[in-house]
């Protein structure tokens, strides 16, 4: 079923705002260095809790990059 252009324009966007883009990593320290020192992104915060490491970077405004290592179940 195809929607016309008018129907697509009138359809409400279910997303209010995209604030973070999740980036999973298997090399947290290496990627922390890459985004911060190589790309020059501003480190907003860097946390470790509940066995996970998570950092947020501002590369060019929102959405911010959310770097996270995998949590083992």
N, C-alpha and C. Protein backbone atom coordinates (compact mmCIF):
# COMPACT_ATOMS: atom_id res chain seq x y z
N UNK A 1 0.84 -1.17 0.00
CA UNK A 1 0.00 0.00 0.00
C UNK A 1 0.89 1.24 0.00
N UNK A 2 0.61 2.17 -0.86
CA UNK A 2 1.41 3.38 -1.00
C UNK A 2 0.68 4.58 -0.41
N UNK A 3 1.43 5.43 0.28
CA UNK A 3 0.85 6.65 0.84
C UNK A 3 1.21 7.82 -0.06
N UNK A 4 0.28 8.72 -0.25
CA UNK A 4 0.55 9.91 -1.03
C UNK A 4 1.43 10.87 -0.25
N UNK A 5 2.01 11.86 -0.94
CA UNK A 5 2.90 12.83 -0.28
C UNK A 5 2.18 13.61 0.80
N UNK A 6 0.93 13.97 0.58
CA UNK A 6 0.17 14.73 1.57
C UNK A 6 -0.03 13.90 2.84
N UNK A 7 -0.30 12.62 2.70
CA UNK A 7 -0.52 11.76 3.86
C UNK A 7 0.77 11.60 4.66
N UNK A 8 1.90 11.53 3.99
CA UNK A 8 3.18 11.40 4.69
C UNK A 8 3.49 12.68 5.46
N UNK A 9 3.23 13.84 4.89
CA UNK A 9 3.48 15.11 5.56
C UNK A 9 2.60 15.28 6.79
N UNK A 10 1.37 14.81 6.74
CA UNK A 10 0.43 14.99 7.83
C UNK A 10 0.66 14.01 8.97
N UNK A 11 1.30 12.90 8.70
CA UNK A 11 1.53 11.89 9.72
C UNK A 11 2.48 12.44 10.79
N UNK A 12 2.12 12.28 12.04
CA UNK A 12 2.92 12.82 13.14
C UNK A 12 4.21 12.01 13.31
N UNK A 13 5.28 12.71 13.63
CA UNK A 13 6.55 12.06 13.91
C UNK A 13 6.48 11.49 15.33
N UNK A 14 6.71 10.19 15.51
CA UNK A 14 6.61 9.60 16.85
C UNK A 14 7.78 9.98 17.76
N UNK A 15 8.84 10.57 17.20
CA UNK A 15 10.02 10.92 17.98
C UNK A 15 10.01 12.40 18.30
N UNK A 16 10.25 12.72 19.56
CA UNK A 16 10.29 14.13 19.97
C UNK A 16 11.65 14.74 19.64
N UNK A 17 12.71 14.02 20.06
CA UNK A 17 14.05 14.56 19.89
C UNK A 17 15.05 13.40 20.02
N UNK A 18 16.06 13.40 19.19
CA UNK A 18 17.11 12.40 19.28
C UNK A 18 18.28 13.04 20.03
N UNK A 19 18.56 12.54 21.25
CA UNK A 19 19.58 13.15 22.09
C UNK A 19 20.89 12.35 22.06
N UNK A 20 20.81 11.02 22.02
CA UNK A 20 21.99 10.17 22.04
C UNK A 20 21.97 9.17 20.89
N UNK A 21 23.17 8.87 20.38
CA UNK A 21 23.36 7.78 19.45
C UNK A 21 24.29 6.79 20.15
N UNK A 22 23.81 5.56 20.35
CA UNK A 22 24.55 4.53 21.07
C UNK A 22 25.60 3.92 20.17
N UNK A 23 26.83 3.84 20.70
CA UNK A 23 27.92 3.19 19.99
C UNK A 23 28.51 2.14 20.93
N UNK A 24 28.29 0.88 20.63
CA UNK A 24 28.87 -0.19 21.43
C UNK A 24 30.34 -0.36 21.09
N UNK A 25 31.14 -0.76 22.07
CA UNK A 25 32.57 -0.91 21.84
C UNK A 25 33.12 -2.13 22.58
N UNK A 26 34.14 -2.73 22.00
CA UNK A 26 34.86 -3.80 22.69
C UNK A 26 36.23 -3.29 23.13
N UNK A 27 36.53 -2.02 22.82
CA UNK A 27 37.79 -1.39 23.21
C UNK A 27 37.47 0.01 23.75
N UNK A 28 36.93 0.05 24.96
CA UNK A 28 36.45 1.31 25.53
C UNK A 28 37.56 2.37 25.60
N UNK A 29 38.71 2.01 26.17
CA UNK A 29 39.79 3.00 26.32
C UNK A 29 40.30 3.49 24.96
N UNK A 30 40.43 2.59 24.00
CA UNK A 30 40.87 2.98 22.67
C UNK A 30 39.87 3.91 21.99
N UNK A 31 38.60 3.59 22.12
CA UNK A 31 37.57 4.44 21.50
C UNK A 31 37.41 5.76 22.25
N UNK A 32 37.61 5.75 23.56
CA UNK A 32 37.58 6.98 24.35
C UNK A 32 38.67 7.93 23.83
N UNK A 33 39.84 7.37 23.59
CA UNK A 33 40.95 8.15 23.03
C UNK A 33 40.63 8.64 21.62
N UNK A 34 40.07 7.76 20.79
CA UNK A 34 39.77 8.12 19.40
C UNK A 34 38.80 9.29 19.31
N UNK A 35 37.67 9.19 20.00
CA UNK A 35 36.66 10.26 19.90
C UNK A 35 37.13 11.55 20.57
N UNK A 36 37.83 11.42 21.70
CA UNK A 36 38.27 12.61 22.41
C UNK A 36 39.51 13.27 21.82
N UNK A 37 40.55 12.47 21.57
CA UNK A 37 41.82 13.05 21.14
C UNK A 37 42.02 13.11 19.63
N UNK A 38 41.52 12.13 18.91
CA UNK A 38 41.70 12.12 17.45
C UNK A 38 40.64 12.98 16.75
N UNK A 39 39.38 12.82 17.16
CA UNK A 39 38.30 13.59 16.51
C UNK A 39 38.05 14.94 17.19
N UNK A 40 38.54 15.09 18.41
CA UNK A 40 38.37 16.36 19.12
C UNK A 40 37.00 16.56 19.72
N UNK A 41 36.26 15.47 19.95
CA UNK A 41 34.94 15.59 20.57
C UNK A 41 35.09 15.96 22.04
N UNK A 42 34.18 16.77 22.54
CA UNK A 42 34.20 17.17 23.95
C UNK A 42 33.59 16.05 24.79
N UNK A 43 34.33 15.60 25.80
CA UNK A 43 33.83 14.58 26.71
C UNK A 43 32.85 15.24 27.68
N UNK A 44 31.60 14.82 27.62
CA UNK A 44 30.57 15.38 28.51
C UNK A 44 30.59 14.70 29.87
N UNK A 45 30.72 13.38 29.86
CA UNK A 45 30.84 12.61 31.09
C UNK A 45 31.37 11.23 30.78
N UNK A 46 31.96 10.62 31.82
CA UNK A 46 32.54 9.28 31.71
C UNK A 46 32.25 8.59 33.03
N UNK A 47 31.47 7.52 33.00
CA UNK A 47 31.02 6.86 34.22
C UNK A 47 31.28 5.36 34.17
N UNK A 48 31.44 4.79 35.35
CA UNK A 48 31.52 3.35 35.48
C UNK A 48 30.59 2.97 36.64
N UNK A 49 29.63 2.11 36.35
CA UNK A 49 28.69 1.66 37.38
C UNK A 49 28.06 0.34 36.94
N UNK A 50 27.79 -0.51 37.90
CA UNK A 50 27.11 -1.78 37.64
C UNK A 50 27.84 -2.63 36.60
N UNK A 51 29.16 -2.52 36.57
CA UNK A 51 29.95 -3.32 35.66
C UNK A 51 30.02 -2.80 34.24
N UNK A 52 29.50 -1.61 34.00
CA UNK A 52 29.51 -1.04 32.64
C UNK A 52 30.27 0.29 32.65
N UNK A 53 30.90 0.58 31.54
CA UNK A 53 31.54 1.88 31.34
C UNK A 53 30.80 2.60 30.22
N UNK A 54 30.45 3.84 30.48
CA UNK A 54 29.68 4.64 29.52
C UNK A 54 30.23 6.05 29.51
N UNK A 55 30.40 6.61 28.32
CA UNK A 55 30.86 7.99 28.17
C UNK A 55 30.02 8.68 27.11
N UNK A 56 29.85 9.97 27.27
CA UNK A 56 29.10 10.76 26.29
C UNK A 56 30.01 11.83 25.71
N UNK A 57 29.96 11.97 24.38
CA UNK A 57 30.76 12.95 23.66
C UNK A 57 29.87 13.91 22.89
N UNK A 58 30.30 15.17 22.83
CA UNK A 58 29.66 16.17 21.99
C UNK A 58 30.61 16.41 20.82
N UNK A 59 30.26 15.89 19.67
CA UNK A 59 31.09 16.06 18.48
C UNK A 59 30.68 17.31 17.70
N UNK A 60 29.37 17.54 17.63
CA UNK A 60 28.87 18.71 16.88
C UNK A 60 27.46 19.08 17.36
N UNK A 61 27.18 18.89 18.64
CA UNK A 61 25.84 19.13 19.15
C UNK A 61 25.03 17.85 19.13
N UNK A 62 23.78 17.96 19.50
CA UNK A 62 22.93 16.77 19.53
C UNK A 62 22.70 16.24 18.13
N UNK A 63 22.62 14.92 18.03
CA UNK A 63 22.67 13.93 19.08
C UNK A 63 24.10 13.69 19.55
N UNK A 64 24.24 13.47 20.87
CA UNK A 64 25.54 13.16 21.45
C UNK A 64 25.87 11.70 21.20
N UNK A 65 27.17 11.41 21.15
CA UNK A 65 27.62 10.03 20.97
C UNK A 65 27.72 9.38 22.34
N UNK A 66 27.07 8.27 22.53
CA UNK A 66 27.07 7.53 23.79
C UNK A 66 27.90 6.26 23.58
N UNK A 67 29.10 6.24 24.12
CA UNK A 67 30.02 5.13 23.97
C UNK A 67 29.84 4.20 25.17
N UNK A 68 29.60 2.92 24.91
CA UNK A 68 29.36 1.99 26.02
C UNK A 68 29.98 0.63 25.73
N UNK A 69 30.59 0.07 26.77
CA UNK A 69 31.10 -1.29 26.63
C UNK A 69 29.96 -2.27 26.97
N UNK A 70 30.04 -3.47 26.47
CA UNK A 70 28.96 -4.42 26.71
C UNK A 70 28.95 -4.87 28.17
N UNK A 71 27.77 -5.06 28.69
CA UNK A 71 27.59 -5.58 30.05
C UNK A 71 27.39 -7.08 29.95
N UNK A 72 28.18 -7.81 30.70
CA UNK A 72 28.05 -9.26 30.68
C UNK A 72 26.86 -9.68 31.53
N UNK A 73 26.04 -10.57 30.99
CA UNK A 73 24.85 -11.02 31.72
C UNK A 73 25.18 -12.13 32.68
